[in-house]
Amino acid sequence: MHPAFSILFFTTLAGAAQGLVVLLALSSLGRVPLAPNFVVMALEVAEVLLVTGLAASFLHLGRKMQAWRAVLMWRTSWMSREVIVLPAFIVLVAVWWWSIRSVAKMPTPIAIPLPSQWWWLMPAIMIAGALALWYCTAMIYACLRFVQEWAQPLTLVNFTLIGLSSGLMLASALAAFAGEAALLRVTGPCALVVTLIAWATRMLALQHNATLKHKSTLQSATGINAPNLVQKSMGMSAGSFNTREFFHGRTLALLKQVKLGFIVLCFALPAVLALWGVATGAMLPWALAVLCQVPGLVAERWFFFAQARHPQNLYYQVVS
């Protein structure tokens, strides 16, 4: 498939924001004492990432003024459901930010929830909203049975775990910067463990795709049942939507380089830096982990799209 950079930026930015919000919500439910000013700042970072991701997704639209029509197919389209859930989640983050901001002037650290018998409701809603958004985003691709690289449970698992990993790395960097030692003692080990688990599940997905036996063949694509069928042209004399939008046009050597790059930048190096951060409690390793993971996340998502083989490419792209 042809990776659209607007979608790469949207999924990586939104995923990190969701992971950050989930971490804050779990800290709230766990009664971790945090300074309200820190929570306000962290929610502002999450909101900026979400809004920036939403803005980036608009670049993918052909007719941007008719973007509202995307919600009309919510009964059958996962993309329509994502279009509904994303703005709703952005509003929820803003509401939670406003509620915490009202107590931000308190001098002593408090647990995030408001002093009410329903204190747990808002964090629970935030977690549910983040999970719903991950599910809708991943199902856009996992529901496409004809793209076998995506149509597997690991697609949903990897979207969620990679988002959690990036969110935890970001939360750890923010906690180290703000001097939130209590939160860093929680987020640091969690970031390390989740990153290692995300690495393992992503490698399982890569192994699955490498050994995949595609149901579509050149024979089924052309309708010619000859056993030794060789394609000599791409099916047309000039480029078209089919030749541009469903194939990336990059070499296998580049794909291997991108694969190695995102494994190192997205998982291996951040895990090493997280181990350093957990051992020392310093801010530098967490800042470096976030800086190296950002290009790794983009590369990982680019490879996710580029590795997928649309069946139409058997006729329009594969040339001997």
C-alpha atoms as a PDB file:
ATOM      1  CA  MET A   1       0.000   0.000   0.000  1.00  0.00           C
ATOM      2  CA  HIS A   2       1.035   3.607  -0.470  1.00  0.00           C
ATOM      3  CA  PRO A   3       1.662   5.250   2.935  1.00  0.00           C
ATOM      4  CA  ALA A   4       0.032   8.683   3.301  1.00  0.00           C
ATOM      5  CA  PHE A   5       2.139  10.816   5.619  1.00  0.00           C
ATOM      6  CA  SER A   6      -0.941  12.611   6.953  1.00  0.00           C
ATOM      7  CA  ILE A   7      -2.211   9.285   8.281  1.00  0.00           C
ATOM      8  CA  LEU A   8       1.226   8.389   9.649  1.00  0.00           C
ATOM      9  CA  PHE A   9       1.361  11.608  11.657  1.00  0.00           C
ATOM     10  CA  PHE A  10      -2.232  11.286  12.829  1.00  0.00           C
ATOM     11  CA  THR A  11      -1.906   7.728  14.127  1.00  0.00           C
ATOM     12  CA  THR A  12       1.437   8.335  15.856  1.00  0.00           C
ATOM     13  CA  LEU A  13       0.466  11.666  17.451  1.00  0.00           C
ATOM     14  CA  ALA A  14      -2.967  10.486  18.551  1.00  0.00           C
ATOM     15  CA  GLY A  15      -1.562   7.198  19.844  1.00  0.00           C
ATOM     16  CA  ALA A  16       0.977   8.966  22.058  1.00  0.00           C
ATOM     17  CA  ALA A  17      -1.719  11.326  23.357  1.00  0.00           C
ATOM     18  CA  GLN A  18      -4.009   8.413  24.168  1.00  0.00           C
ATOM     19  CA  GLY A  19      -1.226   6.642  26.027  1.00  0.00           C
ATOM     20  CA  LEU A  20      -0.494   9.786  28.044  1.00  0.00           C
ATOM     21  CA  VAL A  21      -4.163  10.273  28.948  1.00  0.00           C
ATOM     22  CA  VAL A  22      -4.551   6.617  29.927  1.00  0.00           C
ATOM     23  CA  LEU A  23      -1.519   6.926  32.202  1.00  0.00           C
ATOM     24  CA  LEU A  24      -2.982   9.992  33.919  1.00  0.00           C
ATOM     25  CA  ALA A  25      -6.333   8.256  34.306  1.00  0.00           C
ATOM     26  CA  LEU A  26      -4.767   5.138  35.813  1.00  0.00           C
ATOM     27  CA  SER A  27      -2.729   7.312  38.163  1.00  0.00           C
ATOM     28  CA  SER A  28      -5.966   8.965  39.214  1.00  0.00           C
ATOM     29  CA  LEU A  29      -7.656   5.653  39.894  1.00  0.00           C
ATOM     30  CA  GLY A  30      -4.576   4.482  41.767  1.00  0.00           C
ATOM     31  CA  ARG A  31      -4.559   7.634  43.926  1.00  0.00           C
ATOM     32  CA  VAL A  32      -1.038   8.589  42.906  1.00  0.00           C
ATOM     33  CA  PRO A  33      -0.372  12.051  44.429  1.00  0.00           C
ATOM     34  CA  LEU A  34       0.340  14.555  41.670  1.00  0.00           C
ATOM     35  CA  ALA A  35       0.624  18.322  41.539  1.00  0.00           C
ATOM     36  CA  PRO A  36      -2.442  19.725  39.748  1.00  0.00           C
ATOM     37  CA  ASN A  37      -0.230  22.022  37.660  1.00  0.00           C
ATOM     38  CA  PHE A  38       1.578  18.982  36.297  1.00  0.00           C
ATOM     39  CA  VAL A  39      -1.688  17.255  35.384  1.00  0.00           C
ATOM     40  CA  VAL A  40      -2.900  20.406  33.636  1.00  0.00           C
ATOM     41  CA  MET A  41       0.357  20.639  31.687  1.00  0.00           C
ATOM     42  CA  ALA A  42       0.255  16.945  30.699  1.00  0.00           C
ATOM     43  CA  LEU A  43      -3.351  17.215  29.522  1.00  0.00           C
ATOM     44  CA  GLU A  44      -2.450  20.285  27.496  1.00  0.00           C
ATOM     45  CA  VAL A  45       0.314  18.302  25.781  1.00  0.00           C
ATOM     46  CA  ALA A  46      -2.142  15.489  25.044  1.00  0.00           C
ATOM     47  CA  GLU A  47      -4.701  17.945  23.678  1.00  0.00           C
ATOM     48  CA  VAL A  48      -2.140  19.578  21.390  1.00  0.00           C
ATOM     49  CA  LEU A  49      -1.099  16.168  20.045  1.00  0.00           C
ATOM     50  CA  LEU A  50      -4.708  15.150  19.421  1.00  0.00           C
ATOM     51  CA  VAL A  51      -5.657  18.386  17.676  1.00  0.00           C
ATOM     52  CA  THR A  52      -2.474  18.321  15.587  1.00  0.00           C
ATOM     53  CA  GLY A  53      -3.214  14.733  14.600  1.00  0.00           C
ATOM     54  CA  LEU A  54      -6.771  15.675  13.656  1.00  0.00           C
ATOM     55  CA  ALA A  55      -5.478  18.552  11.551  1.00  0.00           C
ATOM     56  CA  ALA A  56      -2.992  16.225   9.834  1.00  0.00           C
ATOM     57  CA  SER A  57      -5.766  13.762   8.986  1.00  0.00           C
ATOM     58  CA  PHE A  58      -7.591  16.505   7.053  1.00  0.00           C
ATOM     59  CA  LEU A  59      -4.681  16.643   4.618  1.00  0.00           C
ATOM     60  CA  HIS A  60      -5.639  13.139   3.494  1.00  0.00           C
ATOM     61  CA  LEU A  61      -9.085  14.255   2.326  1.00  0.00           C
ATOM     62  CA  GLY A  62      -9.774  15.081  -1.284  1.00  0.00           C
ATOM     63  CA  ARG A  63     -12.663  17.460  -0.549  1.00  0.00           C
ATOM     64  CA  LYS A  64     -11.960  18.905   2.867  1.00  0.00           C
ATOM     65  CA  MET A  65     -15.119  21.039   2.973  1.00  0.00           C
ATOM     66  CA  GLN A  66     -17.200  17.855   2.878  1.00  0.00           C
ATOM     67  CA  ALA A  67     -15.357  16.150   5.734  1.00  0.00           C
ATOM     68  CA  TRP A  68     -18.548  16.133   7.815  1.00  0.00           C
ATOM     69  CA  ARG A  69     -19.987  13.531   5.456  1.00  0.00           C
ATOM     70  CA  ALA A  70     -17.534  11.003   6.893  1.00  0.00           C
ATOM     71  CA  VAL A  71     -19.840  10.440   9.878  1.00  0.00           C
ATOM     72  CA  LEU A  72     -22.826   9.375   7.761  1.00  0.00           C
ATOM     73  CA  MET A  73     -21.738   5.729   7.421  1.00  0.00           C
ATOM     74  CA  TRP A  74     -21.213   5.098  11.134  1.00  0.00           C
ATOM     75  CA  ARG A  75     -23.387   1.969  11.062  1.00  0.00           C
ATOM     76  CA  THR A  76     -20.995   0.088   8.772  1.00  0.00           C
ATOM     77  CA  SER A  77     -17.732   2.047   8.513  1.00  0.00           C
ATOM     78  CA  TRP A  78     -14.990   1.975  11.124  1.00  0.00           C
ATOM     79  CA  MET A  79     -13.579   5.160   9.646  1.00  0.00           C
ATOM     80  CA  SER A  80     -16.880   6.935  10.292  1.00  0.00           C
ATOM     81  CA  ARG A  81     -16.838   5.663  13.861  1.00  0.00           C
ATOM     82  CA  GLU A  82     -13.295   6.952  14.293  1.00  0.00           C
ATOM     83  CA  VAL A  83     -14.392  10.346  12.962  1.00  0.00           C
ATOM     84  CA  ILE A  84     -17.024  10.435  15.709  1.00  0.00           C
ATOM     85  CA  VAL A  85     -14.893   9.065  18.554  1.00  0.00           C
ATOM     86  CA  LEU A  86     -11.831  11.281  17.942  1.00  0.00           C
ATOM     87  CA  PRO A  87     -13.541  14.688  18.389  1.00  0.00           C
ATOM     88  CA  ALA A  88     -15.495  13.277  21.327  1.00  0.00           C
ATOM     89  CA  PHE A  89     -12.248  12.185  22.968  1.00  0.00           C
ATOM     90  CA  ILE A  90     -10.709  15.612  22.340  1.00  0.00           C
ATOM     91  CA  VAL A  91     -13.703  17.210  24.084  1.00  0.00           C
ATOM     92  CA  LEU A  92     -13.400  14.792  27.009  1.00  0.00           C
ATOM     93  CA  VAL A  93      -9.722  15.665  27.459  1.00  0.00           C
ATOM     94  CA  ALA A  94     -10.642  19.360  27.420  1.00  0.00           C
ATOM     95  CA  VAL A  95     -13.364  18.823  30.038  1.00  0.00           C
ATOM     96  CA  TRP A  96     -10.992  16.891  32.292  1.00  0.00           C
ATOM     97  CA  TRP A  97      -8.338  19.599  31.830  1.00  0.00           C
ATOM     98  CA  TRP A  98     -10.859  22.253  32.869  1.00  0.00           C
ATOM     99  CA  SER A  99     -11.917  20.296  35.965  1.00  0.00           C
ATOM    100  CA  ILE A 100      -8.313  19.808  37.110  1.00  0.00           C
ATOM    101  CA  ARG A 101      -7.397  23.408  36.317  1.00  0.00           C
ATOM    102  CA  SER A 102      -9.928  24.552  38.883  1.00  0.00           C
ATOM    103  CA  VAL A 103      -7.761  23.095  41.668  1.00  0.00           C
ATOM    104  CA  ALA A 104      -4.383  23.836  40.067  1.00  0.00           C
ATOM    105  CA  LYS A 105      -3.661  26.636  42.548  1.00  0.00           C
ATOM    106  CA  MET A 106      -3.600  24.270  45.513  1.00  0.00           C
ATOM    107  CA  PRO A 107      -0.056  24.236  46.968  1.00  0.00           C
ATOM    108  CA  THR A 108       0.056  20.592  48.062  1.00  0.00           C
ATOM    109  CA  PRO A 109      -0.033  17.523  45.803  1.00  0.00           C
ATOM    110  CA  ILE A 110      -3.381  15.792  45.494  1.00  0.00           C
ATOM    111  CA  ALA A 111      -4.741  12.751  43.784  1.00  0.00           C
ATOM    112  CA  ILE A 112      -6.169  13.789  40.429  1.00  0.00           C
ATOM    113  CA  PRO A 113      -9.896  13.110  41.041  1.00  0.00           C
ATOM    114  CA  LEU A 114     -12.248  15.780  42.305  1.00  0.00           C
ATOM    115  CA  PRO A 115     -13.564  15.477  45.889  1.00  0.00           C
ATOM    116  CA  SER A 116     -16.767  13.666  45.065  1.00  0.00           C
ATOM    117  CA  GLN A 117     -18.217  10.196  45.400  1.00  0.00           C
ATOM    118  CA  TRP A 118     -18.071  10.033  41.615  1.00  0.00           C
ATOM    119  CA  TRP A 119     -14.354  10.898  41.458  1.00  0.00           C
ATOM    120  CA  TRP A 120     -13.576   7.712  39.548  1.00  0.00           C
ATOM    121  CA  LEU A 121     -16.056   8.369  36.739  1.00  0.00           C
ATOM    122  CA  MET A 122     -14.028  10.842  34.668  1.00  0.00           C
ATOM    123  CA  PRO A 123     -10.787   8.784  34.643  1.00  0.00           C
ATOM    124  CA  ALA A 124     -12.800   5.688  33.738  1.00  0.00           C
ATOM    125  CA  ILE A 125     -14.441   7.548  30.857  1.00  0.00           C
ATOM    126  CA  MET A 126     -11.054   8.744  29.649  1.00  0.00           C
ATOM    127  CA  ILE A 127      -9.697   5.184  29.574  1.00  0.00           C
ATOM    128  CA  ALA A 128     -12.806   3.951  27.763  1.00  0.00           C
ATOM    129  CA  GLY A 129     -12.523   6.787  25.233  1.00  0.00           C
ATOM    130  CA  ALA A 130      -8.858   6.049  24.512  1.00  0.00           C
ATOM    131  CA  LEU A 131      -9.539   2.329  24.095  1.00  0.00           C
ATOM    132  CA  ALA A 132     -12.502   3.054  21.810  1.00  0.00           C
ATOM    133  CA  LEU A 133     -10.365   5.318  19.633  1.00  0.00           C
ATOM    134  CA  TRP A 134      -7.587   2.723  19.396  1.00  0.00           C
ATOM    135  CA  TYR A 135     -10.144   0.076  18.495  1.00  0.00           C
ATOM    136  CA  CYS A 136     -11.803   2.175  15.795  1.00  0.00           C
ATOM    137  CA  THR A 137      -8.472   3.215  14.262  1.00  0.00           C
ATOM    138  CA  ALA A 138      -7.073  -0.315  14.199  1.00  0.00           C
ATOM    139  CA  MET A 139     -10.294  -1.847  12.869  1.00  0.00           C
ATOM    140  CA  ILE A 140     -10.172   0.419   9.821  1.00  0.00           C
ATOM    141  CA  TYR A 141      -7.329  -1.818   8.673  1.00  0.00           C
ATOM    142  CA  ALA A 142      -7.992  -5.081  10.516  1.00  0.00           C
ATOM    143  CA  CYS A 143     -11.457  -5.400   8.938  1.00  0.00           C
ATOM    144  CA  LEU A 144     -10.009  -5.481   5.397  1.00  0.00           C
ATOM    145  CA  ARG A 145      -9.856  -9.223   4.882  1.00  0.00           C
ATOM    146  CA  PHE A 146      -8.372  -8.926   1.406  1.00  0.00           C
ATOM    147  CA  VAL A 147      -5.268  -7.231   2.903  1.00  0.00           C
ATOM    148  CA  GLN A 148      -4.042 -10.244   4.842  1.00  0.00           C
ATOM    149  CA  GLU A 149      -1.142  -8.424   6.520  1.00  0.00           C
ATOM    150  CA  TRP A 150      -3.706  -6.291   8.386  1.00  0.00           C
ATOM    151  CA  ALA A 151      -6.572  -8.736   8.871  1.00  0.00           C
ATOM    152  CA  GLN A 152      -5.263 -10.255  12.107  1.00  0.00           C
ATOM    153  CA  PRO A 153      -5.688  -9.611  15.862  1.00  0.00           C
ATOM    154  CA  LEU A 154      -2.111  -8.339  16.201  1.00  0.00           C
ATOM    155  CA  THR A 155      -3.091  -5.190  14.288  1.00  0.00           C
ATOM    156  CA  LEU A 156      -5.289  -4.072  17.174  1.00  0.00           C
ATOM    157  CA  VAL A 157      -2.748  -5.247  19.755  1.00  0.00           C
ATOM    158  CA  ASN A 158       0.107  -3.326  18.135  1.00  0.00           C
ATOM    159  CA  PHE A 159      -1.848  -0.093  17.673  1.00  0.00           C
ATOM    160  CA  THR A 160      -2.727  -0.172  21.372  1.00  0.00           C
ATOM    161  CA  LEU A 161       0.634  -1.242  22.779  1.00  0.00           C
ATOM    162  CA  ILE A 162       2.710   1.087  20.602  1.00  0.00           C
ATOM    163  CA  GLY A 163       0.435   3.976  21.587  1.00  0.00           C
ATOM    164  CA  LEU A 164       0.808   3.050  25.258  1.00  0.00           C
ATOM    165  CA  SER A 165       4.578   2.752  24.898  1.00  0.00           C
ATOM    166  CA  SER A 166       4.945   6.194  23.324  1.00  0.00           C
ATOM    167  CA  GLY A 167       2.528   7.710  25.849  1.00  0.00           C
ATOM    168  CA  LEU A 168       4.414   6.221  28.787  1.00  0.00           C
ATOM    169  CA  MET A 169       7.751   7.433  27.416  1.00  0.00           C
ATOM    170  CA  LEU A 170       6.302  10.917  27.031  1.00  0.00           C
ATOM    171  CA  ALA A 171       4.754  10.809  30.513  1.00  0.00           C
ATOM    172  CA  SER A 172       8.074   9.716  32.019  1.00  0.00           C
ATOM    173  CA  ALA A 173       9.907  12.564  30.276  1.00  0.00           C
ATOM    174  CA  LEU A 174       7.319  15.079  31.492  1.00  0.00           C
ATOM    175  CA  ALA A 175       7.449  13.661  35.037  1.00  0.00           C
ATOM    176  CA  ALA A 176      11.254  13.826  35.094  1.00  0.00           C
ATOM    177  CA  PHE A 177      11.171  17.387  33.769  1.00  0.00           C
ATOM    178  CA  ALA A 178       8.584  18.518  36.343  1.00  0.00           C
ATOM    179  CA  GLY A 179      10.199  16.684  39.249  1.00  0.00           C
ATOM    180  CA  GLU A 180       7.241  14.340  39.777  1.00  0.00           C
ATOM    181  CA  ALA A 181       9.252  11.576  41.426  1.00  0.00           C
ATOM    182  CA  ALA A 182       6.190   9.637  42.605  1.00  0.00           C
ATOM    183  CA  LEU A 183       4.809   9.404  39.084  1.00  0.00           C
ATOM    184  CA  LEU A 184       8.208   8.642  37.547  1.00  0.00           C
ATOM    185  CA  ARG A 185       8.625   5.659  39.877  1.00  0.00           C
ATOM    186  CA  VAL A 186       5.446   4.272  38.295  1.00  0.00           C
ATOM    187  CA  THR A 187       5.768   5.353  34.677  1.00  0.00           C
ATOM    188  CA  GLY A 188       9.454   4.475  34.307  1.00  0.00           C
ATOM    189  CA  PRO A 189       9.202   0.709  34.862  1.00  0.00           C
ATOM    190  CA  CYS A 190       5.844   0.614  33.059  1.00  0.00           C
ATOM    191  CA  ALA A 191       7.336   2.349  30.011  1.00  0.00           C
ATOM    192  CA  LEU A 192      10.156  -0.191  29.913  1.00  0.00           C
ATOM    193  CA  VAL A 193       7.873  -3.212  30.282  1.00  0.00           C
ATOM    194  CA  VAL A 194       5.228  -2.009  27.804  1.00  0.00           C
ATOM    195  CA  THR A 195       7.903  -1.116  25.233  1.00  0.00           C
ATOM    196  CA  LEU A 196       9.386  -4.606  25.492  1.00  0.00           C
ATOM    197  CA  ILE A 197       5.946  -6.205  25.149  1.00  0.00           C
ATOM    198  CA  ALA A 198       5.103  -3.957  22.174  1.00  0.00           C
ATOM    199  CA  TRP A 199       8.436  -4.952  20.611  1.00  0.00           C
ATOM    200  CA  ALA A 200       7.634  -8.643  21.059  1.00  0.00           C
ATOM    201  CA  THR A 201       4.128  -8.388  19.584  1.00  0.00           C
ATOM    202  CA  ARG A 202       5.371  -6.301  16.642  1.00  0.00           C
ATOM    203  CA  MET A 203       7.991  -8.943  15.899  1.00  0.00           C
ATOM    204  CA  LEU A 204       5.244 -11.579  15.983  1.00  0.00           C
ATOM    205  CA  ALA A 205       3.300  -9.558  13.424  1.00  0.00           C
ATOM    206  CA  LEU A 206       6.393  -9.237  11.225  1.00  0.00           C
ATOM    207  CA  GLN A 207       6.976 -12.979  11.436  1.00  0.00           C
ATOM    208  CA  HIS A 208       3.332 -13.650  10.595  1.00  0.00           C
ATOM    209  CA  ASN A 209       3.487 -11.419   7.531  1.00  0.00           C
ATOM    210  CA  ALA A 210       6.814 -12.843   6.366  1.00  0.00           C
ATOM    211  CA  THR A 211       5.397 -16.386   6.287  1.00  0.00           C
ATOM    212  CA  LEU A 212       1.993 -15.364   4.953  1.00  0.00           C
ATOM    213  CA  LYS A 213       0.542 -17.335   2.045  1.00  0.00           C
ATOM    214  CA  HIS A 214      -1.616 -14.969   0.042  1.00  0.00           C
ATOM    215  CA  LYS A 215      -4.974 -16.233  -1.148  1.00  0.00           C
ATOM    216  CA  SER A 216      -4.891 -14.045  -4.237  1.00  0.00           C
ATOM    217  CA  THR A 217      -2.535 -15.119  -7.011  1.00  0.00           C
ATOM    218  CA  LEU A 218      -1.646 -13.871 -10.467  1.00  0.00           C
ATOM    219  CA  GLN A 219      -3.966 -16.546 -11.828  1.00  0.00           C
ATOM    220  CA  SER A 220      -6.925 -15.387  -9.749  1.00  0.00           C
ATOM    221  CA  ALA A 221      -6.183 -11.729 -10.528  1.00  0.00           C
ATOM    222  CA  THR A 222      -6.153 -12.227 -14.289  1.00  0.00           C
ATOM    223  CA  GLY A 223      -8.582 -15.143 -14.553  1.00  0.00           C
ATOM    224  CA  ILE A 224      -6.005 -17.191 -16.442  1.00  0.00           C
ATOM    225  CA  ASN A 225      -5.459 -20.644 -14.934  1.00  0.00           C
ATOM    226  CA  ALA A 226      -2.173 -21.432 -16.668  1.00  0.00           C
ATOM    227  CA  PRO A 227       0.245 -22.976 -14.122  1.00  0.00           C
ATOM    228  CA  ASN A 228       3.281 -21.012 -15.341  1.00  0.00           C
ATOM    229  CA  LEU A 229       1.859 -17.529 -15.770  1.00  0.00           C
ATOM    230  CA  VAL A 230       4.299 -14.625 -16.202  1.00  0.00           C
ATOM    231  CA  GLN A 231       3.206 -10.987 -16.306  1.00  0.00           C
ATOM    232  CA  LYS A 232       4.884  -8.720 -18.881  1.00  0.00           C
ATOM    233  CA  SER A 233       3.019  -5.420 -18.357  1.00  0.00           C
ATOM    234  CA  MET A 234       1.156  -3.695 -15.540  1.00  0.00           C
ATOM    235  CA  GLY A 235      -2.207  -3.784 -17.291  1.00  0.00           C
ATOM    236  CA  MET A 236      -2.199  -0.264 -18.763  1.00  0.00           C
ATOM    237  CA  SER A 237       0.065   2.008 -20.746  1.00  0.00           C
ATOM    238  CA  ALA A 238       0.138   4.910 -18.264  1.00  0.00           C
ATOM    239  CA  GLY A 239      -0.175   5.574 -14.560  1.00  0.00           C
ATOM    240  CA  SER A 240      -3.541   5.780 -12.834  1.00  0.00           C
ATOM    241  CA  PHE A 241      -5.140   5.879  -9.389  1.00  0.00           C
ATOM    242  CA  ASN A 242      -4.569   2.133  -9.120  1.00  0.00           C
ATOM    243  CA  THR A 243      -0.848   2.402  -9.803  1.00  0.00           C
ATOM    244  CA  ARG A 244      -0.339   5.358  -7.458  1.00  0.00           C
ATOM    245  CA  GLU A 245      -2.480   4.747  -4.384  1.00  0.00           C
ATOM    246  CA  PHE A 246      -2.044   1.029  -3.766  1.00  0.00           C
ATOM    247  CA  PHE A 247       1.705   0.623  -4.143  1.00  0.00           C
ATOM    248  CA  HIS A 248       4.617   2.529  -2.599  1.00  0.00           C
ATOM    249  CA  GLY A 249       7.088   1.988  -5.434  1.00  0.00           C
ATOM    250  CA  ARG A 250      10.058   1.487  -3.085  1.00  0.00           C
ATOM    251  CA  THR A 251      12.674  -1.264  -3.324  1.00  0.00           C
ATOM    252  CA  LEU A 252      12.927  -4.280  -1.058  1.00  0.00           C
ATOM    253  CA  ALA A 253      16.299  -2.990   0.140  1.00  0.00           C
ATOM    254  CA  LEU A 254      14.670   0.214   1.399  1.00  0.00           C
ATOM    255  CA  LEU A 255      11.932  -1.766   3.126  1.00  0.00           C
ATOM    256  CA  LYS A 256      14.555  -3.801   4.978  1.00  0.00           C
ATOM    257  CA  GLN A 257      16.337  -0.618   6.054  1.00  0.00           C
ATOM    258  CA  VAL A 258      13.107   0.957   7.319  1.00  0.00           C
ATOM    259  CA  LYS A 259      12.258  -2.249   9.166  1.00  0.00           C
ATOM    260  CA  LEU A 260      15.623  -2.309  10.931  1.00  0.00           C
ATOM    261  CA  GLY A 261      15.376   1.414  11.607  1.00  0.00           C
ATOM    262  CA  PHE A 262      12.023   1.307  13.358  1.00  0.00           C
ATOM    263  CA  ILE A 263      12.978  -1.767  15.396  1.00  0.00           C
ATOM    264  CA  VAL A 264      16.009   0.118  16.736  1.00  0.00           C
ATOM    265  CA  LEU A 265      14.439   3.575  17.123  1.00  0.00           C
ATOM    266  CA  CYS A 266      10.969   2.582  18.235  1.00  0.00           C
ATOM    267  CA  PHE A 267      11.781  -0.299  20.576  1.00  0.00           C
ATOM    268  CA  ALA A 268      15.411  -1.276  21.203  1.00  0.00           C
ATOM    269  CA  LEU A 269      17.012   2.104  21.877  1.00  0.00           C
ATOM    270  CA  PRO A 270      14.059   3.501  23.892  1.00  0.00           C
ATOM    271  CA  ALA A 271      14.122   0.340  26.030  1.00  0.00           C
ATOM    272  CA  VAL A 272      17.825   0.796  26.764  1.00  0.00           C
ATOM    273  CA  LEU A 273      17.309   4.473  27.574  1.00  0.00           C
ATOM    274  CA  ALA A 274      14.307   3.613  29.754  1.00  0.00           C
ATOM    275  CA  LEU A 275      16.445   1.159  31.693  1.00  0.00           C
ATOM    276  CA  TRP A 276      18.969   3.948  32.204  1.00  0.00           C
ATOM    277  CA  GLY A 277      16.210   6.298  33.313  1.00  0.00           C
ATOM    278  CA  VAL A 278      14.755   3.799  35.775  1.00  0.00           C
ATOM    279  CA  ALA A 279      18.196   3.191  37.278  1.00  0.00           C
ATOM    280  CA  THR A 280      19.129   6.856  37.664  1.00  0.00           C
ATOM    281  CA  GLY A 281      15.889   8.837  37.740  1.00  0.00           C
ATOM    282  CA  ALA A 282      17.523  11.480  35.533  1.00  0.00           C
ATOM    283  CA  MET A 283      15.690  13.490  32.903  1.00  0.00           C
ATOM    284  CA  LEU A 284      18.241  13.053  30.086  1.00  0.00           C
ATOM    285  CA  PRO A 285      17.547   9.382  29.241  1.00  0.00           C
ATOM    286  CA  TRP A 286      13.796   9.998  29.080  1.00  0.00           C
ATOM    287  CA  ALA A 287      14.228  13.027  26.839  1.00  0.00           C
ATOM    288  CA  LEU A 288      16.508  11.013  24.554  1.00  0.00           C
ATOM    289  CA  ALA A 289      14.020   8.118  24.551  1.00  0.00           C
ATOM    290  CA  VAL A 290      11.216  10.389  23.333  1.00  0.00           C
ATOM    291  CA  LEU A 291      13.430  12.059  20.710  1.00  0.00           C
ATOM    292  CA  CYS A 292      14.583   8.770  19.197  1.00  0.00           C
ATOM    293  CA  GLN A 293      11.167   7.117  19.412  1.00  0.00           C
ATOM    294  CA  VAL A 294       9.397   9.839  17.395  1.00  0.00           C
ATOM    295  CA  PRO A 295      11.081   8.998  14.048  1.00  0.00           C
ATOM    296  CA  GLY A 296      10.857   5.325  14.963  1.00  0.00           C
ATOM    297  CA  LEU A 297       7.088   5.587  15.368  1.00  0.00           C
ATOM    298  CA  VAL A 298       6.715   7.263  11.985  1.00  0.00           C
ATOM    299  CA  ALA A 299       8.956   4.642  10.357  1.00  0.00           C
ATOM    300  CA  GLU A 300       7.011   1.813  12.016  1.00  0.00           C
ATOM    301  CA  ARG A 301       3.702   3.144  10.753  1.00  0.00           C
ATOM    302  CA  TRP A 302       5.160   3.733   7.271  1.00  0.00           C
ATOM    303  CA  PHE A 303       6.304   0.119   7.169  1.00  0.00           C
ATOM    304  CA  PHE A 304       2.878  -1.014   8.411  1.00  0.00           C
ATOM    305  CA  PHE A 305       1.310   0.473   5.285  1.00  0.00           C
ATOM    306  CA  ALA A 306       4.112  -0.302   2.840  1.00  0.00           C
ATOM    307  CA  GLN A 307       4.300  -3.982   3.761  1.00  0.00           C
ATOM    308  CA  ALA A 308       0.610  -4.559   3.060  1.00  0.00           C
ATOM    309  CA  ARG A 309      -0.065  -6.061  -0.364  1.00  0.00           C
ATOM    310  CA  HIS A 310      -3.321  -5.083  -1.986  1.00  0.00           C
ATOM    311  CA  PRO A 311      -4.560  -7.903  -4.281  1.00  0.00           C
ATOM    312  CA  GLN A 312      -5.018  -5.461  -7.180  1.00  0.00           C
ATOM    313  CA  ASN A 313      -1.246  -5.004  -7.291  1.00  0.00           C
ATOM    314  CA  LEU A 314      -0.937  -8.488  -8.711  1.00  0.00           C
ATOM    315  CA  TYR A 315      -2.336  -7.064 -11.942  1.00  0.00           C
ATOM    316  CA  TYR A 316      -1.399  -3.396 -11.870  1.00  0.00           C
ATOM    317  CA  GLN A 317       2.058  -3.410 -10.270  1.00  0.00           C
ATOM    318  CA  VAL A 318       3.888  -6.729 -10.479  1.00  0.00           C
ATOM    319  CA  VAL A 319       5.938  -6.800 -13.661  1.00  0.00           C
ATOM    320  CA  SER A 320       8.510  -9.492 -14.424  1.00  0.00           C
END
